[in-house]
Amino acid sequence: PTWGTPGSGAVAWEGAVNARRVAGD
């Protein structure tokens, strides 16, 4: 697994609020 930096993982689904990847899928 690659966890990235603390600022990584955000997703840009239109309208989504507070959305990001936890881990994997």
PDB file of all heavy atoms in Angstrom:
ATOM      1  N   PRO A   1       0.829  -1.205   0.000  1.00  0.00           N
ATOM      2  CA  PRO A   1       0.000   0.000   0.000  1.00  0.00           C
ATOM      3  C   PRO A   1       0.859   1.250   0.000  1.00  0.00           C
ATOM      4  O   PRO A   1       1.964   1.270   0.539  1.00  0.00           O
ATOM      5  CB  PRO A   1      -0.787  -0.123   1.313  1.00  0.00           C
ATOM      6  CG  PRO A   1       0.048  -0.987   2.185  1.00  0.00           C
ATOM      7  CD  PRO A   1       0.761  -1.927   1.267  1.00  0.00           C
ATOM      8  N   THR A   2       0.338   2.306  -0.623  1.00  0.00           N
ATOM      9  CA  THR A   2       1.008   3.600  -0.587  1.00  0.00           C
ATOM     10  C   THR A   2       0.051   4.587   0.048  1.00  0.00           C
ATOM     11  O   THR A   2      -1.014   4.871  -0.494  1.00  0.00           O
ATOM     12  CB  THR A   2       1.371   4.060  -2.011  1.00  0.00           C
ATOM     13  OG1 THR A   2       0.188   4.051  -2.824  1.00  0.00           O
ATOM     14  CG2 THR A   2       2.405   3.141  -2.634  1.00  0.00           C
ATOM     15  N   TRP A   3       0.431   5.096   1.207  1.00  0.00           N
ATOM     16  CA  TRP A   3      -0.486   5.937   1.970  1.00  0.00           C
ATOM     17  C   TRP A   3      -0.380   7.392   1.576  1.00  0.00           C
ATOM     18  O   TRP A   3      -1.293   8.162   1.799  1.00  0.00           O
ATOM     19  CB  TRP A   3      -0.198   5.777   3.469  1.00  0.00           C
ATOM     20  CG  TRP A   3      -0.239   4.345   3.867  1.00  0.00           C
ATOM     21  CD1 TRP A   3       0.816   3.557   4.233  1.00  0.00           C
ATOM     22  CD2 TRP A   3      -1.373   3.492   3.884  1.00  0.00           C
ATOM     23  NE1 TRP A   3       0.400   2.282   4.477  1.00  0.00           N
ATOM     24  CE2 TRP A   3      -0.939   2.211   4.278  1.00  0.00           C
ATOM     25  CE3 TRP A   3      -2.721   3.676   3.601  1.00  0.00           C
ATOM     26  CZ2 TRP A   3      -1.809   1.145   4.409  1.00  0.00           C
ATOM     27  CZ3 TRP A   3      -3.579   2.601   3.732  1.00  0.00           C
ATOM     28  CH2 TRP A   3      -3.123   1.356   4.135  1.00  0.00           C
ATOM     29  N   GLY A   4       0.713   7.824   0.978  1.00  0.00           N
ATOM     30  CA  GLY A   4       0.844   9.199   0.530  1.00  0.00           C
ATOM     31  C   GLY A   4       1.077  10.155   1.679  1.00  0.00           C
ATOM     32  O   GLY A   4       1.286   9.773   2.826  1.00  0.00           O
ATOM     33  N   THR A   5       1.036  11.416   1.362  1.00  0.00           N
ATOM     34  CA  THR A   5       1.203  12.448   2.370  1.00  0.00           C
ATOM     35  C   THR A   5      -0.129  12.714   3.035  1.00  0.00           C
ATOM     36  O   THR A   5      -1.180  12.302   2.537  1.00  0.00           O
ATOM     37  CB  THR A   5       1.706  13.745   1.713  1.00  0.00           C
ATOM     38  OG1 THR A   5       0.672  14.225   0.834  1.00  0.00           O
ATOM     39  CG2 THR A   5       2.975  13.501   0.928  1.00  0.00           C
ATOM     40  N   PRO A   6      -0.129  13.429   4.192  1.00  0.00           N
ATOM     41  CA  PRO A   6      -1.392  13.734   4.858  1.00  0.00           C
ATOM     42  C   PRO A   6      -2.370  14.492   3.974  1.00  0.00           C
ATOM     43  O   PRO A   6      -3.568  14.437   4.188  1.00  0.00           O
ATOM     44  CB  PRO A   6      -0.952  14.583   6.054  1.00  0.00           C
ATOM     45  CG  PRO A   6       0.444  14.157   6.332  1.00  0.00           C
ATOM     46  CD  PRO A   6       1.033  13.856   4.987  1.00  0.00           C
ATOM     47  N   GLY A   7      -1.900  15.218   2.987  1.00  0.00           N
ATOM     48  CA  GLY A   7      -2.793  15.981   2.145  1.00  0.00           C
ATOM     49  C   GLY A   7      -3.284  15.225   0.923  1.00  0.00           C
ATOM     50  O   GLY A   7      -4.014  15.779   0.115  1.00  0.00           O
ATOM     51  N   SER A   8      -2.893  13.972   0.748  1.00  0.00           N
ATOM     52  CA  SER A   8      -3.270  13.224  -0.444  1.00  0.00           C
ATOM     53  C   SER A   8      -4.587  12.495  -0.232  1.00  0.00           C
ATOM     54  O   SER A   8      -5.096  12.389   0.871  1.00  0.00           O
ATOM     55  CB  SER A   8      -2.173  12.217  -0.800  1.00  0.00           C
ATOM     56  OG  SER A   8      -2.096  11.211   0.181  1.00  0.00           O
ATOM     57  N   GLY A   9      -5.119  11.959  -1.332  1.00  0.00           N
ATOM     58  CA  GLY A   9      -6.296  11.113  -1.241  1.00  0.00           C
ATOM     59  C   GLY A   9      -7.603  11.778  -1.568  1.00  0.00           C
ATOM     60  O   GLY A   9      -8.628  11.103  -1.685  1.00  0.00           O
ATOM     61  N   ALA A  10      -7.645  13.101  -1.727  1.00  0.00           N
ATOM     62  CA  ALA A  10      -8.900  13.778  -2.034  1.00  0.00           C
ATOM     63  C   ALA A  10      -9.401  13.365  -3.412  1.00  0.00           C
ATOM     64  O   ALA A  10      -8.619  13.148  -4.330  1.00  0.00           O
ATOM     65  CB  ALA A  10      -8.720  15.289  -1.960  1.00  0.00           C
ATOM     66  N   VAL A  11     -10.714  13.219  -3.537  1.00  0.00           N
ATOM     67  CA  VAL A  11     -11.326  12.912  -4.822  1.00  0.00           C
ATOM     68  C   VAL A  11     -12.189  14.098  -5.248  1.00  0.00           C
ATOM     69  O   VAL A  11     -12.716  14.825  -4.410  1.00  0.00           O
ATOM     70  CB  VAL A  11     -12.159  11.617  -4.764  1.00  0.00           C
ATOM     71  CG1 VAL A  11     -11.272  10.425  -4.490  1.00  0.00           C
ATOM     72  CG2 VAL A  11     -13.251  11.713  -3.702  1.00  0.00           C
ATOM     73  N   ALA A  12     -12.326  14.261  -6.553  1.00  0.00           N
ATOM     74  CA  ALA A  12     -13.015  15.433  -7.087  1.00  0.00           C
ATOM     75  C   ALA A  12     -14.330  15.058  -7.747  1.00  0.00           C
ATOM     76  O   ALA A  12     -14.627  15.488  -8.859  1.00  0.00           O
ATOM     77  CB  ALA A  12     -12.104  16.165  -8.072  1.00  0.00           C
ATOM     78  N   TRP A  13     -15.125  14.228  -7.090  1.00  0.00           N
ATOM     79  CA  TRP A  13     -16.449  13.906  -7.606  1.00  0.00           C
ATOM     80  C   TRP A  13     -17.334  15.134  -7.418  1.00  0.00           C
ATOM     81  O   TRP A  13     -17.451  15.652  -6.310  1.00  0.00           O
ATOM     82  CB  TRP A  13     -17.041  12.716  -6.862  1.00  0.00           C
ATOM     83  CG  TRP A  13     -16.185  11.484  -6.891  1.00  0.00           C
ATOM     84  CD1 TRP A  13     -15.295  11.108  -7.857  1.00  0.00           C
ATOM     85  CD2 TRP A  13     -16.153  10.453  -5.895  1.00  0.00           C
ATOM     86  NE1 TRP A  13     -14.710   9.908  -7.526  1.00  0.00           N
ATOM     87  CE2 TRP A  13     -15.217   9.480  -6.326  1.00  0.00           C
ATOM     88  CE3 TRP A  13     -16.819  10.260  -4.696  1.00  0.00           C
ATOM     89  CZ2 TRP A  13     -14.940   8.339  -5.588  1.00  0.00           C
ATOM     90  CZ3 TRP A  13     -16.550   9.117  -3.948  1.00  0.00           C
ATOM     91  CH2 TRP A  13     -15.621   8.164  -4.399  1.00  0.00           C
ATOM     92  N   GLU A  14     -17.961  15.592  -8.461  1.00  0.00           N
ATOM     93  CA  GLU A  14     -18.721  16.840  -8.403  1.00  0.00           C
ATOM     94  C   GLU A  14     -19.789  16.796  -7.311  1.00  0.00           C
ATOM     95  O   GLU A  14     -20.615  15.885  -7.263  1.00  0.00           O
ATOM     96  CB  GLU A  14     -19.377  17.125  -9.753  1.00  0.00           C
ATOM     97  CG  GLU A  14     -20.061  18.480  -9.809  1.00  0.00           C
ATOM     98  CD  GLU A  14     -20.628  18.781 -11.177  1.00  0.00           C
ATOM     99  OE1 GLU A  14     -21.785  18.372 -11.428  1.00  0.00           O
ATOM    100  OE2 GLU A  14     -19.915  19.388 -11.995  1.00  0.00           O
ATOM    101  N   GLY A  15     -19.746  17.779  -6.432  1.00  0.00           N
ATOM    102  CA  GLY A  15     -20.711  17.877  -5.341  1.00  0.00           C
ATOM    103  C   GLY A  15     -20.273  17.204  -4.061  1.00  0.00           C
ATOM    104  O   GLY A  15     -20.796  17.525  -2.983  1.00  0.00           O
ATOM    105  N   ALA A  16     -19.343  16.255  -4.153  1.00  0.00           N
ATOM    106  CA  ALA A  16     -18.938  15.507  -2.962  1.00  0.00           C
ATOM    107  C   ALA A  16     -18.283  16.427  -1.944  1.00  0.00           C
ATOM    108  O   ALA A  16     -17.497  17.302  -2.298  1.00  0.00           O
ATOM    109  CB  ALA A  16     -17.996  14.373  -3.337  1.00  0.00           C
ATOM    110  N   VAL A  17     -18.603  16.213  -0.682  1.00  0.00           N
ATOM    111  CA  VAL A  17     -18.064  17.011   0.418  1.00  0.00           C
ATOM    112  C   VAL A  17     -17.237  16.103   1.328  1.00  0.00           C
ATOM    113  O   VAL A  17     -17.661  14.996   1.667  1.00  0.00           O
ATOM    114  CB  VAL A  17     -19.207  17.677   1.228  1.00  0.00           C
ATOM    115  CG1 VAL A  17     -18.663  18.390   2.459  1.00  0.00           C
ATOM    116  CG2 VAL A  17     -19.984  18.642   0.344  1.00  0.00           C
ATOM    117  N   ASN A  18     -16.050  16.580   1.683  1.00  0.00           N
ATOM    118  CA  ASN A  18     -15.193  15.835   2.610  1.00  0.00           C
ATOM    119  C   ASN A  18     -14.873  14.449   2.068  1.00  0.00           C
ATOM    120  O   ASN A  18     -14.850  13.465   2.816  1.00  0.00           O
ATOM    121  CB  ASN A  18     -15.870  15.733   3.980  1.00  0.00           C
ATOM    122  CG  ASN A  18     -14.903  15.929   5.129  1.00  0.00           C
ATOM    123  OD1 ASN A  18     -13.706  16.154   4.930  1.00  0.00           O
ATOM    124  ND2 ASN A  18     -15.404  15.830   6.349  1.00  0.00           N
ATOM    125  N   ALA A  19     -14.615  14.372   0.788  1.00  0.00           N
ATOM    126  CA  ALA A  19     -14.440  13.084   0.115  1.00  0.00           C
ATOM    127  C   ALA A  19     -12.973  12.809  -0.158  1.00  0.00           C
ATOM    128  O   ALA A  19     -12.256  13.667  -0.671  1.00  0.00           O
ATOM    129  CB  ALA A  19     -15.225  13.068  -1.190  1.00  0.00           C
ATOM    130  N   ARG A  20     -12.554  11.598   0.170  1.00  0.00           N
ATOM    131  CA  ARG A  20     -11.172  11.193  -0.101  1.00  0.00           C
ATOM    132  C   ARG A  20     -11.061   9.678  -0.016  1.00  0.00           C
ATOM    133  O   ARG A  20     -11.954   8.989   0.479  1.00  0.00           O
ATOM    134  CB  ARG A  20     -10.198  11.849   0.883  1.00  0.00           C
ATOM    135  CG  ARG A  20     -10.487  11.593   2.351  1.00  0.00           C
ATOM    136  CD  ARG A  20      -9.589  12.435   3.249  1.00  0.00           C
ATOM    137  NE  ARG A  20      -9.593  13.834   2.895  1.00  0.00           N
ATOM    138  CZ  ARG A  20     -10.524  14.699   3.313  1.00  0.00           C
ATOM    139  NH1 ARG A  20     -11.510  14.307   4.093  1.00  0.00           N
ATOM    140  NH2 ARG A  20     -10.478  15.957   2.941  1.00  0.00           N
ATOM    141  N   ARG A  21      -9.956   9.171  -0.477  1.00  0.00           N
ATOM    142  CA  ARG A  21      -9.678   7.742  -0.382  1.00  0.00           C
ATOM    143  C   ARG A  21      -9.187   7.423   1.023  1.00  0.00           C
ATOM    144  O   ARG A  21      -8.332   8.125   1.578  1.00  0.00           O
ATOM    145  CB  ARG A  21      -8.607   7.355  -1.402  1.00  0.00           C
ATOM    146  CG  ARG A  21      -8.354   5.862  -1.515  1.00  0.00           C
ATOM    147  CD  ARG A  21      -7.154   5.577  -2.409  1.00  0.00           C
ATOM    148  NE  ARG A  21      -7.320   6.130  -3.742  1.00  0.00           N
ATOM    149  CZ  ARG A  21      -7.895   5.482  -4.751  1.00  0.00           C
ATOM    150  NH1 ARG A  21      -8.364   4.263  -4.572  1.00  0.00           N
ATOM    151  NH2 ARG A  21      -7.997   6.063  -5.941  1.00  0.00           N
ATOM    152  N   VAL A  22      -9.737   6.367   1.618  1.00  0.00           N
ATOM    153  CA  VAL A  22      -9.226   5.870   2.895  1.00  0.00           C
ATOM    154  C   VAL A  22      -7.964   5.059   2.630  1.00  0.00           C
ATOM    155  O   VAL A  22      -6.880   5.364   3.133  1.00  0.00           O
ATOM    156  CB  VAL A  22     -10.277   5.015   3.629  1.00  0.00           C
ATOM    157  CG1 VAL A  22      -9.702   4.450   4.935  1.00  0.00           C
ATOM    158  CG2 VAL A  22     -11.533   5.833   3.916  1.00  0.00           C
ATOM    159  N   ALA A  23      -8.109   4.036   1.835  1.00  0.00           N
ATOM    160  CA  ALA A  23      -6.992   3.178   1.421  1.00  0.00           C
ATOM    161  C   ALA A  23      -7.515   2.213   0.378  1.00  0.00           C
ATOM    162  O   ALA A  23      -8.671   1.784   0.441  1.00  0.00           O
ATOM    163  CB  ALA A  23      -6.414   2.409   2.604  1.00  0.00           C
ATOM    164  N   GLY A  24      -6.669   1.863  -0.588  1.00  0.00           N
ATOM    165  CA  GLY A  24      -7.069   0.893  -1.597  1.00  0.00           C
ATOM    166  C   GLY A  24      -8.313   1.340  -2.337  1.00  0.00           C
ATOM    167  O   GLY A  24      -8.370   2.450  -2.872  1.00  0.00           O
ATOM    168  N   ASP A  25      -9.348   0.496  -2.334  1.00  0.00           N
ATOM    169  CA  ASP A  25     -10.581   0.850  -3.046  1.00  0.00           C
ATOM    170  C   ASP A  25     -11.707   1.223  -2.079  1.00  0.00           C
ATOM    171  O   ASP A  25     -12.889   1.064  -2.397  1.00  0.00           O
ATOM    172  CB  ASP A  25     -11.014  -0.268  -3.997  1.00  0.00           C
ATOM    173  CG  ASP A  25     -11.463  -1.535  -3.287  1.00  0.00           C
ATOM    174  OD1 ASP A  25     -11.337  -1.619  -2.046  1.00  0.00           O
ATOM    175  OD2 ASP A  25     -11.950  -2.461  -3.977  1.00  0.00           O
TER     176      ASP A  25
END
